[in-house]
Amino acid sequence: MPNDVLSHLAVHIRQTATTPPTLALDVTNNSPDTSLTILTWESPLDPAALPLGLFAITPDGARQPLDIPTIQIRRVMPPPRDSFVTLKPGETRTQEHVLREEIVPPADLGPNPKVAVRGTWMGVWTIPVEELTPGRLDNMYTDEERLSGPFEAGPFEVTVHEA
């Protein structure tokens, strides 16, 4: 059942700007009848997805992705309410990510790098966020209703224009 539920979460990459290169990651709940509550940490909906290492960026003409410096974030448990998103069937949420020059210099990318996003959902539930009480979230890694599994999107060809 977990893989079946998680398979309803689709991740899509699209470009929203070229200078600086900006990508939107869309997460859509393709379930016909089940709302899904997602912990956004280390997901495509995490504003820190780029420095956390979820992006694989392969320069134009290269065979291997860039070695991008990554960070670790220590987060307070249990996760606060604003760390969750509930998607109704057919609903999409988007998070934009700027390929910031200090992390990925445009000169290193070439005009058309390829970008992929990969990671693991830290927590997905088939219950509304209101039912995720602080006590339950304190023990979320042993919560039998928490689902976890891989996600990925891409590769997607990006257009880069140096400023």
Protein backbone atom coordinates (compact mmCIF):
# COMPACT_ATOMS: atom_id res chain seq x y z
CA MET A 1 0.00 0.00 0.00
CA PRO A 2 2.71 2.61 0.79
CA ASN A 3 4.20 2.55 -2.71
CA ASP A 4 0.72 2.73 -4.21
CA VAL A 5 -0.16 5.85 -2.17
CA LEU A 6 3.21 7.52 -2.81
CA SER A 7 2.89 6.79 -6.53
CA HIS A 8 0.03 9.30 -6.58
CA LEU A 9 2.47 12.12 -5.77
CA ALA A 10 3.87 13.48 -9.03
CA VAL A 11 6.83 15.88 -9.10
CA HIS A 12 7.26 18.09 -12.16
CA ILE A 13 10.02 20.61 -13.00
CA ARG A 14 9.43 23.73 -15.07
CA GLN A 15 11.43 26.89 -15.63
CA THR A 16 9.97 30.25 -14.60
CA ALA A 17 12.95 32.59 -15.31
CA THR A 18 16.32 32.50 -17.08
CA THR A 19 18.20 35.29 -15.24
CA PRO A 20 18.76 34.07 -12.65
CA PRO A 21 17.71 30.55 -13.64
CA THR A 22 14.60 29.79 -11.61
CA LEU A 23 12.79 26.48 -11.45
CA ALA A 24 9.36 25.67 -10.10
CA LEU A 25 8.86 22.25 -8.59
CA ASP A 26 5.22 21.23 -8.70
CA VAL A 27 3.90 18.44 -6.49
CA THR A 28 0.52 17.09 -7.56
CA ASN A 29 -1.71 14.62 -5.75
CA ASN A 30 -3.01 12.39 -8.54
CA SER A 31 -5.04 10.23 -6.17
CA PRO A 32 -8.65 10.03 -7.32
CA ASP A 33 -10.09 10.17 -3.82
CA THR A 34 -7.48 10.58 -1.05
CA SER A 35 -6.03 13.78 0.39
CA LEU A 36 -2.35 13.51 1.26
CA THR A 37 -0.52 15.42 3.99
CA ILE A 38 3.17 15.96 3.23
CA LEU A 39 5.99 16.98 5.55
CA THR A 40 7.79 19.50 3.33
CA TRP A 41 11.22 18.99 4.90
CA GLU A 42 13.75 17.70 2.34
CA SER A 43 11.04 17.49 -0.30
CA PRO A 44 10.53 19.44 -3.55
CA LEU A 45 8.39 21.83 -1.46
CA ASP A 46 11.28 22.64 0.91
CA PRO A 47 12.64 26.15 0.16
CA ALA A 48 16.11 24.79 1.02
CA ALA A 49 15.98 21.90 -1.49
CA LEU A 50 18.94 23.19 -3.55
CA PRO A 51 21.46 23.57 -0.70
CA LEU A 52 20.16 20.34 0.88
CA GLY A 53 21.36 18.44 -2.20
CA LEU A 54 18.08 17.41 -3.81
CA PHE A 55 19.14 18.82 -7.19
CA ALA A 56 21.46 17.08 -9.64
CA ILE A 57 22.63 19.68 -12.17
CA THR A 58 24.57 18.45 -15.18
CA PRO A 59 26.28 21.19 -17.20
CA ASP A 60 25.59 21.45 -20.92
CA GLY A 61 27.62 18.72 -22.66
CA ALA A 62 28.84 17.09 -19.41
CA ARG A 63 28.26 13.49 -18.39
CA GLN A 64 28.29 13.97 -14.63
CA PRO A 65 26.41 16.41 -12.39
CA LEU A 66 28.20 19.25 -10.65
CA ASP A 67 29.52 18.66 -7.17
CA ILE A 68 27.31 21.17 -5.38
CA PRO A 69 28.15 22.07 -1.77
CA THR A 70 25.37 20.94 0.55
CA ILE A 71 24.23 21.89 4.02
CA GLN A 72 22.61 20.08 6.91
CA ILE A 73 19.73 21.65 8.79
CA ARG A 74 18.90 20.81 12.36
CA ARG A 75 15.19 21.23 12.79
CA VAL A 76 13.15 21.38 15.95
CA MET A 77 10.86 18.42 16.61
CA PRO A 78 7.99 18.04 16.35
CA PRO A 79 7.66 19.82 13.01
CA PRO A 80 5.54 22.99 13.21
CA ARG A 81 2.21 23.13 11.36
CA ASP A 82 3.65 25.31 8.60
CA SER A 83 5.98 22.43 7.68
CA PHE A 84 3.03 20.44 6.33
CA VAL A 85 0.97 20.72 3.18
CA THR A 86 -2.28 18.85 2.58
CA LEU A 87 -3.09 18.22 -1.07
CA LYS A 88 -6.62 17.28 -1.99
CA PRO A 89 -7.09 14.93 -4.97
CA GLY A 90 -5.93 16.74 -8.10
CA GLU A 91 -4.38 19.64 -6.15
CA THR A 92 -0.86 20.97 -6.87
CA ARG A 93 1.55 22.98 -4.72
CA THR A 94 4.60 24.73 -6.10
CA GLN A 95 7.92 25.85 -4.67
CA GLU A 96 10.28 28.01 -6.70
CA HIS A 97 14.02 27.46 -6.48
CA VAL A 98 16.59 29.95 -7.75
CA LEU A 99 19.84 28.45 -9.02
CA ARG A 100 21.76 31.03 -7.02
CA GLU A 101 25.10 32.14 -8.43
CA GLU A 102 26.96 31.47 -5.17
CA ILE A 103 25.87 27.82 -5.32
CA VAL A 104 25.82 27.16 -9.08
CA PRO A 105 27.66 29.84 -11.08
CA PRO A 106 26.05 30.30 -14.53
CA ALA A 107 29.48 30.04 -16.19
CA ASP A 108 29.73 26.46 -14.85
CA LEU A 109 26.37 25.49 -16.32
CA GLY A 110 26.57 26.34 -19.99
CA PRO A 111 23.50 27.50 -21.90
CA ASN A 112 21.38 24.35 -21.41
CA PRO A 113 22.19 22.28 -18.32
CA LYS A 114 19.97 19.40 -17.30
CA VAL A 115 18.39 19.36 -13.85
CA ALA A 116 16.94 16.43 -11.97
CA VAL A 117 15.46 16.34 -8.48
CA ARG A 118 15.73 13.26 -6.28
CA GLY A 119 15.09 12.48 -2.67
CA THR A 120 12.92 10.71 -0.15
CA TRP A 121 9.59 11.85 1.22
CA MET A 122 10.25 12.14 4.98
CA GLY A 123 6.59 11.80 5.78
CA VAL A 124 3.31 11.44 3.91
CA TRP A 125 0.00 10.68 5.62
CA THR A 126 -3.46 9.87 4.29
CA ILE A 127 -5.01 11.85 7.15
CA PRO A 128 -5.59 15.59 7.54
CA VAL A 129 -2.82 17.66 9.12
CA GLU A 130 -5.14 18.41 12.08
CA GLU A 131 -4.86 14.76 13.14
CA LEU A 132 -1.07 15.00 13.36
CA THR A 133 -0.88 16.00 17.01
CA PRO A 134 2.42 17.13 18.57
CA GLY A 135 2.56 13.91 20.59
CA ARG A 136 2.10 11.84 17.47
CA LEU A 137 4.74 13.83 15.62
CA ASP A 138 7.23 13.43 18.47
CA ASN A 139 7.21 9.75 17.47
CA MET A 140 6.61 10.23 13.76
CA TYR A 141 9.36 7.83 12.68
CA THR A 142 7.50 4.97 14.38
CA ASP A 143 4.03 6.16 13.28
CA GLU A 144 2.50 3.24 11.39
CA GLU A 145 0.50 5.64 9.20
CA ARG A 146 3.57 7.63 8.05
CA LEU A 147 4.66 6.73 4.55
CA SER A 148 8.15 7.32 3.20
CA GLY A 149 9.70 6.59 -0.15
CA PRO A 150 11.61 8.03 -3.09
CA PHE A 151 10.61 10.83 -5.43
CA GLU A 152 12.28 12.10 -8.56
CA ALA A 153 11.71 14.33 -11.55
CA GLY A 154 13.75 15.13 -14.61
CA PRO A 155 16.11 15.47 -16.20
CA PHE A 156 14.78 18.80 -17.40
CA GLU A 157 16.73 21.06 -19.79
CA VAL A 158 17.15 24.57 -18.41
CA THR A 159 17.89 27.72 -20.39
CA VAL A 160 20.57 29.89 -18.76
CA HIS A 161 21.34 33.49 -19.70
CA GLU A 162 24.25 35.08 -17.90
CA ALA A 163 23.43 38.51 -16.46
